[in-house]
Amino acid sequence: MNVYDNANELAKAMRESHEYKKLKEAAAVLEKDPDAKKMVNEYLMVAQEVEFAKHQGKTPDQASVDKMQKLQGILNLNADAVQYLNALIRFQMMLMDVTNTIQDVVKEAMGEK
């Protein structure tokens, strides 16, 4: 069994997955609304900053939290933005599951399991 061939098969399977297809469709729809796309990107950037602070054990900057909540409220009024964000979350969940499976093998190889 060739690991590289399997990695390519995994990439192919991911591209054929429902999650990937829905994300690509939602991205294409969002692309037609530059203002919504800009707000989605801004929201994702701020949300990432907030999550990064939490991950480091820090309290996120209140201004960032407020900005994230404000953007989320505005984005919730745009069906295309909501569809994109939901599709992104589902795709990220699939990716996280795949990553965890690979990390289990890495831990075993490093004697951590």
C-alpha atoms as a PDB file:
ATOM      1  CA  MET A   1       0.000   0.000   0.000  1.00  0.00           C
ATOM      2  CA  ASN A   2       1.435   3.347  -1.077  1.00  0.00           C
ATOM      3  CA  VAL A   3       0.732   6.157   1.378  1.00  0.00           C
ATOM      4  CA  TYR A   4       1.067   8.803  -1.336  1.00  0.00           C
ATOM      5  CA  ASP A   5      -1.506   7.060  -3.512  1.00  0.00           C
ATOM      6  CA  ASN A   6      -3.837   6.900  -0.525  1.00  0.00           C
ATOM      7  CA  ALA A   7      -3.290  10.589   0.191  1.00  0.00           C
ATOM      8  CA  ASN A   8      -4.254  11.373  -3.397  1.00  0.00           C
ATOM      9  CA  GLU A   9      -7.322   9.129  -3.044  1.00  0.00           C
ATOM     10  CA  LEU A  10      -8.261  10.972   0.152  1.00  0.00           C
ATOM     11  CA  ALA A  11      -7.962  14.308  -1.654  1.00  0.00           C
ATOM     12  CA  LYS A  12     -10.140  12.969  -4.450  1.00  0.00           C
ATOM     13  CA  ALA A  13     -12.721  11.672  -1.966  1.00  0.00           C
ATOM     14  CA  MET A  14     -12.777  15.025  -0.191  1.00  0.00           C
ATOM     15  CA  ARG A  15     -13.390  16.828  -3.500  1.00  0.00           C
ATOM     16  CA  GLU A  16     -16.242  14.431  -4.212  1.00  0.00           C
ATOM     17  CA  SER A  17     -17.760  14.833  -0.745  1.00  0.00           C
ATOM     18  CA  HIS A  18     -21.103  16.492  -0.141  1.00  0.00           C
ATOM     19  CA  GLU A  19     -19.421  18.979   2.221  1.00  0.00           C
ATOM     20  CA  TYR A  20     -16.888  20.093  -0.377  1.00  0.00           C
ATOM     21  CA  LYS A  21     -19.474  20.445  -3.124  1.00  0.00           C
ATOM     22  CA  LYS A  22     -21.823  22.465  -0.924  1.00  0.00           C
ATOM     23  CA  LEU A  23     -18.970  24.747   0.150  1.00  0.00           C
ATOM     24  CA  LYS A  24     -17.933  25.366  -3.467  1.00  0.00           C
ATOM     25  CA  GLU A  25     -21.545  26.086  -4.443  1.00  0.00           C
ATOM     26  CA  ALA A  26     -22.030  28.470  -1.532  1.00  0.00           C
ATOM     27  CA  ALA A  27     -18.724  30.206  -2.322  1.00  0.00           C
ATOM     28  CA  ALA A  28     -19.802  30.718  -5.938  1.00  0.00           C
ATOM     29  CA  VAL A  29     -23.077  32.290  -4.798  1.00  0.00           C
ATOM     30  CA  LEU A  30     -21.301  34.490  -2.243  1.00  0.00           C
ATOM     31  CA  GLU A  31     -18.844  35.612  -4.926  1.00  0.00           C
ATOM     32  CA  LYS A  32     -21.735  37.412  -6.645  1.00  0.00           C
ATOM     33  CA  ASP A  33     -22.223  39.669  -3.605  1.00  0.00           C
ATOM     34  CA  PRO A  34     -18.894  41.445  -2.970  1.00  0.00           C
ATOM     35  CA  ASP A  35     -20.185  43.302   0.095  1.00  0.00           C
ATOM     36  CA  ALA A  36     -21.394  40.103   1.757  1.00  0.00           C
ATOM     37  CA  LYS A  37     -18.162  38.327   0.821  1.00  0.00           C
ATOM     38  CA  LYS A  38     -16.144  41.141   2.369  1.00  0.00           C
ATOM     39  CA  MET A  39     -18.196  40.977   5.573  1.00  0.00           C
ATOM     40  CA  VAL A  40     -17.885  37.178   5.733  1.00  0.00           C
ATOM     41  CA  ASN A  41     -14.105  37.445   5.364  1.00  0.00           C
ATOM     42  CA  GLU A  42     -13.949  40.151   8.025  1.00  0.00           C
ATOM     43  CA  TYR A  43     -16.136  38.073  10.346  1.00  0.00           C
ATOM     44  CA  LEU A  44     -13.945  35.006   9.850  1.00  0.00           C
ATOM     45  CA  MET A  45     -10.796  37.019  10.529  1.00  0.00           C
ATOM     46  CA  VAL A  46     -12.178  38.511  13.756  1.00  0.00           C
ATOM     47  CA  ALA A  47     -13.623  35.147  14.855  1.00  0.00           C
ATOM     48  CA  GLN A  48     -10.213  33.554  14.305  1.00  0.00           C
ATOM     49  CA  GLU A  49      -8.547  36.226  16.458  1.00  0.00           C
ATOM     50  CA  VAL A  50     -11.077  35.622  19.242  1.00  0.00           C
ATOM     51  CA  GLU A  51     -10.632  31.840  19.060  1.00  0.00           C
ATOM     52  CA  PHE A  52      -6.846  32.173  18.989  1.00  0.00           C
ATOM     53  CA  ALA A  53      -6.916  34.256  22.170  1.00  0.00           C
ATOM     54  CA  LYS A  54      -9.166  31.679  23.859  1.00  0.00           C
ATOM     55  CA  HIS A  55      -6.887  28.870  22.716  1.00  0.00           C
ATOM     56  CA  GLN A  56      -3.948  30.654  24.337  1.00  0.00           C
ATOM     57  CA  GLY A  57      -5.898  30.910  27.591  1.00  0.00           C
ATOM     58  CA  LYS A  58      -6.345  34.651  27.230  1.00  0.00           C
ATOM     59  CA  THR A  59      -9.524  36.658  27.437  1.00  0.00           C
ATOM     60  CA  PRO A  60     -10.361  37.910  23.953  1.00  0.00           C
ATOM     61  CA  ASP A  61     -10.332  41.661  23.423  1.00  0.00           C
ATOM     62  CA  GLN A  62     -13.864  42.933  24.118  1.00  0.00           C
ATOM     63  CA  ALA A  63     -13.792  45.167  21.050  1.00  0.00           C
ATOM     64  CA  SER A  64     -13.086  42.118  18.884  1.00  0.00           C
ATOM     65  CA  VAL A  65     -15.881  40.133  20.530  1.00  0.00           C
ATOM     66  CA  ASP A  66     -18.299  43.034  20.019  1.00  0.00           C
ATOM     67  CA  LYS A  67     -17.234  43.417  16.392  1.00  0.00           C
ATOM     68  CA  MET A  68     -17.632  39.693  15.787  1.00  0.00           C
ATOM     69  CA  GLN A  69     -21.134  39.695  17.288  1.00  0.00           C
ATOM     70  CA  LYS A  70     -22.146  42.764  15.286  1.00  0.00           C
ATOM     71  CA  LEU A  71     -20.898  41.210  12.044  1.00  0.00           C
ATOM     72  CA  GLN A  72     -22.632  37.949  12.886  1.00  0.00           C
ATOM     73  CA  GLY A  73     -25.912  39.788  13.417  1.00  0.00           C
ATOM     74  CA  ILE A  74     -25.596  41.535  10.069  1.00  0.00           C
ATOM     75  CA  LEU A  75     -24.546  38.352   8.264  1.00  0.00           C
ATOM     76  CA  ASN A  76     -27.517  36.457   9.692  1.00  0.00           C
ATOM     77  CA  LEU A  77     -29.725  38.745   7.608  1.00  0.00           C
ATOM     78  CA  ASN A  78     -28.053  37.541   4.403  1.00  0.00           C
ATOM     79  CA  ALA A  79     -29.146  34.023   3.395  1.00  0.00           C
ATOM     80  CA  ASP A  80     -26.150  33.563   1.061  1.00  0.00           C
ATOM     81  CA  ALA A  81     -23.704  34.446   3.831  1.00  0.00           C
ATOM     82  CA  VAL A  82     -25.433  32.090   6.268  1.00  0.00           C
ATOM     83  CA  GLN A  83     -25.395  29.296   3.694  1.00  0.00           C
ATOM     84  CA  TYR A  84     -21.676  29.837   3.080  1.00  0.00           C
ATOM     85  CA  LEU A  85     -20.791  29.913   6.776  1.00  0.00           C
ATOM     86  CA  ASN A  86     -22.816  26.771   7.472  1.00  0.00           C
ATOM     87  CA  ALA A  87     -21.170  24.972   4.553  1.00  0.00           C
ATOM     88  CA  LEU A  88     -17.758  26.116   5.773  1.00  0.00           C
ATOM     89  CA  ILE A  89     -18.453  24.773   9.262  1.00  0.00           C
ATOM     90  CA  ARG A  90     -19.543  21.391   7.899  1.00  0.00           C
ATOM     91  CA  PHE A  91     -16.446  21.178   5.689  1.00  0.00           C
ATOM     92  CA  GLN A  92     -14.183  22.134   8.598  1.00  0.00           C
ATOM     93  CA  MET A  93     -15.790  19.452  10.764  1.00  0.00           C
ATOM     94  CA  MET A  94     -15.053  16.828   8.104  1.00  0.00           C
ATOM     95  CA  LEU A  95     -11.487  18.092   7.807  1.00  0.00           C
ATOM     96  CA  MET A  96     -11.051  17.989  11.588  1.00  0.00           C
ATOM     97  CA  ASP A  97     -12.240  14.358  11.692  1.00  0.00           C
ATOM     98  CA  VAL A  98      -9.755  13.387   8.969  1.00  0.00           C
ATOM     99  CA  THR A  99      -6.971  15.306  10.708  1.00  0.00           C
ATOM    100  CA  ASN A 100      -7.708  13.613  14.039  1.00  0.00           C
ATOM    101  CA  THR A 101      -7.488  10.199  12.384  1.00  0.00           C
ATOM    102  CA  ILE A 102      -4.079  11.075  10.933  1.00  0.00           C
ATOM    103  CA  GLN A 103      -2.904  12.569  14.227  1.00  0.00           C
ATOM    104  CA  ASP A 104      -3.739   9.303  15.993  1.00  0.00           C
ATOM    105  CA  VAL A 105      -1.260   7.520  13.720  1.00  0.00           C
ATOM    106  CA  VAL A 106       1.379  10.188  14.333  1.00  0.00           C
ATOM    107  CA  LYS A 107       0.901   9.817  18.122  1.00  0.00           C
ATOM    108  CA  GLU A 108       1.270   6.065  17.839  1.00  0.00           C
ATOM    109  CA  ALA A 109       4.459   6.459  15.816  1.00  0.00           C
ATOM    110  CA  MET A 110       5.844   8.863  18.404  1.00  0.00           C
ATOM    111  CA  GLY A 111       4.979   6.468  21.229  1.00  0.00           C
ATOM    112  CA  GLU A 112       2.346   8.771  22.704  1.00  0.00           C
ATOM    113  CA  LYS A 113      -0.479   6.283  22.607  1.00  0.00           C
END
